[in-house]
N, C-alpha and C. Protein backbone atom coordinates (compact mmCIF):
# COMPACT_ATOMS: atom_id res chain seq x y z
N MET A 1 0.92 -1.16 -0.18
CA MET A 1 -0.04 0.03 0.02
C MET A 1 0.73 1.20 -0.11
N LYS A 2 1.93 1.11 0.72
CA LYS A 2 2.95 2.43 0.81
C LYS A 2 3.37 2.62 -0.70
N LYS A 3 3.87 1.62 -1.18
CA LYS A 3 4.42 1.62 -2.55
C LYS A 3 3.39 2.16 -3.60
N ILE A 4 2.10 1.89 -3.50
CA ILE A 4 1.24 2.47 -4.30
C ILE A 4 0.94 4.06 -3.98
N LEU A 5 0.90 4.36 -2.75
CA LEU A 5 0.88 5.69 -2.45
C LEU A 5 2.11 6.53 -2.78
N LEU A 6 3.11 6.01 -2.73
CA LEU A 6 4.39 6.78 -2.97
C LEU A 6 4.39 7.03 -4.57
N ILE A 7 4.10 5.92 -5.28
CA ILE A 7 4.03 6.12 -6.70
C ILE A 7 2.81 7.23 -7.42
N ALA A 8 1.83 7.17 -6.54
CA ALA A 8 0.78 7.95 -7.11
C ALA A 8 1.27 9.37 -6.71
N SER A 9 1.93 9.61 -5.48
CA SER A 9 2.31 11.11 -5.00
C SER A 9 3.33 11.50 -6.11
N VAL A 10 4.25 10.75 -6.61
CA VAL A 10 5.56 10.95 -7.55
C VAL A 10 4.56 11.47 -8.88
N ALA A 11 3.88 10.51 -9.17
CA ALA A 11 2.88 10.84 -10.46
C ALA A 11 2.40 12.03 -10.51
N GLY A 12 1.56 12.65 -9.47
CA GLY A 12 0.82 13.79 -9.24
C GLY A 12 1.83 14.98 -9.31
N LEU A 13 2.85 14.92 -8.62
CA LEU A 13 4.00 15.90 -8.60
C LEU A 13 4.47 16.09 -10.26
N ALA A 14 4.64 15.14 -11.00
CA ALA A 14 5.11 15.08 -12.26
C ALA A 14 4.12 15.88 -13.33
N MET A 15 2.92 15.78 -12.89
CA MET A 15 1.93 16.27 -13.80
C MET A 15 1.78 17.80 -13.53
N VAL A 16 2.23 18.31 -12.53
CA VAL A 16 2.00 19.94 -12.25
C VAL A 16 3.18 20.38 -12.90
N SER A 17 2.82 21.56 -13.83
CA SER A 17 3.79 22.27 -14.39
C SER A 17 4.20 23.41 -13.59
N CYS A 18 5.29 24.00 -13.57
CA CYS A 18 5.84 25.08 -12.68
C CYS A 18 5.62 26.30 -13.39
N LYS A 19 5.47 27.17 -12.83
CA LYS A 19 5.35 28.64 -13.39
C LYS A 19 6.80 29.33 -13.29
N LYS A 20 7.17 29.91 -14.23
CA LYS A 20 8.38 30.69 -14.04
C LYS A 20 8.33 31.89 -14.99
N ASP A 21 9.24 32.75 -14.83
CA ASP A 21 9.33 33.90 -15.60
C ASP A 21 10.02 33.67 -16.99
N ARG A 22 9.51 33.94 -18.08
CA ARG A 22 10.18 33.86 -19.32
C ARG A 22 10.46 35.29 -20.10
N THR A 23 11.65 35.34 -20.51
CA THR A 23 12.13 36.58 -20.93
C THR A 23 12.55 36.43 -22.40
N CYS A 24 12.29 37.58 -23.11
CA CYS A 24 12.46 37.70 -24.62
C CYS A 24 13.53 39.03 -24.88
N GLU A 25 14.78 38.78 -25.46
CA GLU A 25 15.63 40.02 -25.59
C GLU A 25 15.82 40.18 -27.07
N CYS A 26 15.22 41.32 -27.20
CA CYS A 26 15.41 41.82 -28.91
C CYS A 26 16.53 42.93 -29.07
N LYS A 27 17.37 42.85 -30.24
CA LYS A 27 18.02 43.84 -30.54
C LYS A 27 17.78 44.36 -31.85
N THR A 28 17.44 45.50 -31.99
CA THR A 28 17.07 46.16 -33.03
C THR A 28 18.38 46.95 -33.84
N THR A 29 18.37 46.74 -35.16
CA THR A 29 19.59 47.31 -35.72
C THR A 29 19.28 47.69 -37.21
N SER A 30 19.96 48.71 -37.60
CA SER A 30 19.60 49.34 -39.07
C SER A 30 21.02 49.86 -39.66
N ASP A 31 21.03 49.86 -40.90
CA ASP A 31 22.29 50.63 -41.57
C ASP A 31 21.74 52.08 -42.17
N ALA A 32 20.74 52.42 -41.61
CA ALA A 32 20.33 53.93 -41.87
C ALA A 32 21.18 54.83 -41.04
N PRO A 33 21.45 55.89 -41.95
CA PRO A 33 22.17 57.07 -41.16
C PRO A 33 21.47 57.74 -39.98
N GLY A 34 22.10 57.72 -38.67
CA GLY A 34 21.44 58.17 -37.68
C GLY A 34 20.88 57.49 -36.80
N PHE A 35 20.45 56.04 -37.41
CA PHE A 35 19.81 55.15 -36.37
C PHE A 35 20.68 54.54 -35.17
N THR A 36 20.15 54.46 -34.24
CA THR A 36 20.66 53.85 -32.80
C THR A 36 20.14 52.66 -32.66
N SER A 37 21.09 51.64 -32.43
CA SER A 37 20.65 50.35 -31.97
C SER A 37 20.19 50.26 -30.59
N SER A 38 19.06 49.29 -30.67
CA SER A 38 18.42 49.43 -29.13
C SER A 38 17.99 48.09 -28.68
N THR A 39 18.16 47.68 -27.46
CA THR A 39 17.93 46.54 -27.02
C THR A 39 16.51 46.47 -26.05
N THR A 40 15.58 45.64 -26.29
CA THR A 40 14.31 45.83 -25.63
C THR A 40 14.19 44.24 -25.18
N VAL A 41 13.77 44.15 -23.68
CA VAL A 41 13.51 42.94 -23.03
C VAL A 41 11.81 42.88 -22.59
N TYR A 42 11.38 41.65 -23.03
CA TYR A 42 9.91 41.55 -22.71
C TYR A 42 10.10 40.37 -21.61
N THR A 43 9.00 40.47 -20.63
CA THR A 43 9.08 39.54 -19.71
C THR A 43 7.75 39.09 -19.24
N VAL A 44 7.34 37.97 -19.25
CA VAL A 44 6.14 37.41 -18.86
C VAL A 44 6.19 36.64 -17.50
N LYS A 45 5.65 37.18 -16.61
CA LYS A 45 5.94 36.64 -15.17
C LYS A 45 5.18 35.51 -14.81
N LYS A 46 5.57 34.56 -14.15
CA LYS A 46 4.59 33.37 -13.60
C LYS A 46 4.28 32.59 -14.85
N SER A 47 4.76 32.36 -15.95
CA SER A 47 3.96 31.71 -16.90
C SER A 47 4.12 30.27 -16.94
N LYS A 48 3.00 29.51 -17.55
CA LYS A 48 3.02 28.14 -17.53
C LYS A 48 3.60 27.61 -18.86
N LYS A 49 3.55 28.39 -19.99
CA LYS A 49 3.98 27.82 -21.39
C LYS A 49 4.83 28.99 -21.83
N THR A 50 5.87 28.57 -22.78
CA THR A 50 6.45 29.25 -23.58
C THR A 50 5.57 30.03 -24.54
N SER A 51 4.62 29.64 -25.10
CA SER A 51 3.73 30.29 -26.06
C SER A 51 3.11 31.62 -25.69
N ASP A 52 3.35 31.71 -24.37
CA ASP A 52 2.74 33.29 -23.86
C ASP A 52 3.79 34.30 -24.24
N ILE A 53 4.89 34.07 -24.62
CA ILE A 53 5.75 34.98 -24.74
C ILE A 53 6.48 35.03 -26.36
N THR A 54 6.36 33.82 -26.79
CA THR A 54 6.88 33.71 -28.28
C THR A 54 6.03 34.39 -29.26
N ALA A 55 4.85 34.82 -29.00
CA ALA A 55 4.17 35.62 -30.01
C ALA A 55 4.76 36.96 -30.20
N ASN A 56 5.36 37.44 -29.25
CA ASN A 56 6.06 38.76 -29.12
C ASN A 56 7.47 38.70 -29.49
N CYS A 57 8.23 37.47 -29.42
CA CYS A 57 9.69 37.27 -29.46
C CYS A 57 9.91 37.04 -30.89
N VAL A 58 9.88 37.79 -31.90
CA VAL A 58 9.81 37.51 -33.05
C VAL A 58 11.10 38.22 -33.92
N SER A 59 11.96 37.40 -34.75
CA SER A 59 13.05 38.25 -35.49
C SER A 59 12.61 38.66 -36.69
N TYR A 60 12.87 39.54 -37.16
CA TYR A 60 12.45 40.20 -38.82
C TYR A 60 13.56 40.78 -39.34
N THR A 61 13.59 40.97 -40.68
CA THR A 61 14.53 41.77 -41.43
C THR A 61 13.60 42.35 -42.34
N SER A 62 13.71 43.72 -42.47
CA SER A 62 12.81 44.47 -43.51
C SER A 62 13.72 45.64 -44.44
N LYS A 63 13.34 45.74 -45.50
CA LYS A 63 13.92 46.79 -46.46
C LYS A 63 13.00 47.91 -46.67
N GLN A 64 13.72 49.08 -46.57
CA GLN A 64 12.77 50.49 -46.90
C GLN A 64 13.59 51.14 -47.87
N THR A 65 12.93 51.51 -48.81
CA THR A 65 13.51 52.60 -49.95
C THR A 65 13.11 54.01 -49.48
N ALA A 66 13.83 54.88 -49.47
CA ALA A 66 13.67 56.43 -49.09
C ALA A 66 13.40 57.05 -50.31
N PRO A 67 12.80 58.04 -50.14
CA PRO A 67 12.18 58.77 -51.41
C PRO A 67 13.72 59.43 -52.23
N THR A 68 14.97 59.29 -51.52
CA THR A 68 15.86 59.69 -52.56
C THR A 68 16.46 58.49 -53.06
N ALA A 69 15.79 57.49 -53.19
CA ALA A 69 16.17 56.20 -53.87
C ALA A 69 17.26 55.31 -53.18
N SER A 70 17.34 55.56 -51.78
CA SER A 70 18.33 54.96 -50.88
C SER A 70 17.69 53.97 -50.41
N THR A 71 18.37 52.63 -50.15
CA THR A 71 17.77 51.67 -49.60
C THR A 71 18.35 51.20 -48.23
N TYR A 72 17.56 51.16 -47.04
CA TYR A 72 18.07 50.81 -45.80
C TYR A 72 17.57 49.40 -45.29
N TYR A 73 18.20 48.58 -44.48
CA TYR A 73 17.78 47.53 -44.12
C TYR A 73 17.48 47.71 -42.31
N TYR A 74 16.62 47.10 -41.94
CA TYR A 74 16.13 47.25 -40.43
C TYR A 74 15.73 45.87 -40.16
N GLY A 75 16.17 45.70 -38.98
CA GLY A 75 16.07 44.29 -38.36
C GLY A 75 15.98 43.98 -37.05
N GLN A 76 15.50 42.88 -36.47
CA GLN A 76 15.34 42.61 -35.06
C GLN A 76 15.74 41.25 -34.62
N ASP A 77 16.70 41.00 -33.85
CA ASP A 77 17.19 39.61 -33.68
C ASP A 77 16.71 39.40 -32.18
N CYS A 78 15.81 38.35 -31.93
CA CYS A 78 15.13 38.12 -30.70
C CYS A 78 15.72 36.73 -30.11
N GLU A 79 15.98 36.53 -28.99
CA GLU A 79 16.50 35.49 -28.34
C GLU A 79 15.46 35.25 -27.16
N LEU A 80 14.93 34.10 -26.78
CA LEU A 80 14.11 33.47 -25.80
C LEU A 80 15.12 32.97 -24.68
N LYS A 81 14.98 33.64 -23.45
CA LYS A 81 16.11 33.18 -22.46
C LYS A 81 15.48 32.59 -21.25
């Protein structure tokens, strides 16, 4: 009986997911004149799942053509920590 109770207790604890803070750090860069790189940190406190933050933790690169026919690239590199 003690063994069954012990196994049931361990199985019950294994099914409980722990909540923890999840953080996404994004660095924005560009080759446009006068652009200053920046870093933004997103944090979701006491989250049960990673999907709570991955919607905002997205890397991208885009191209913009200025009226003077110059082309500049903007980008954001994000890392889930």
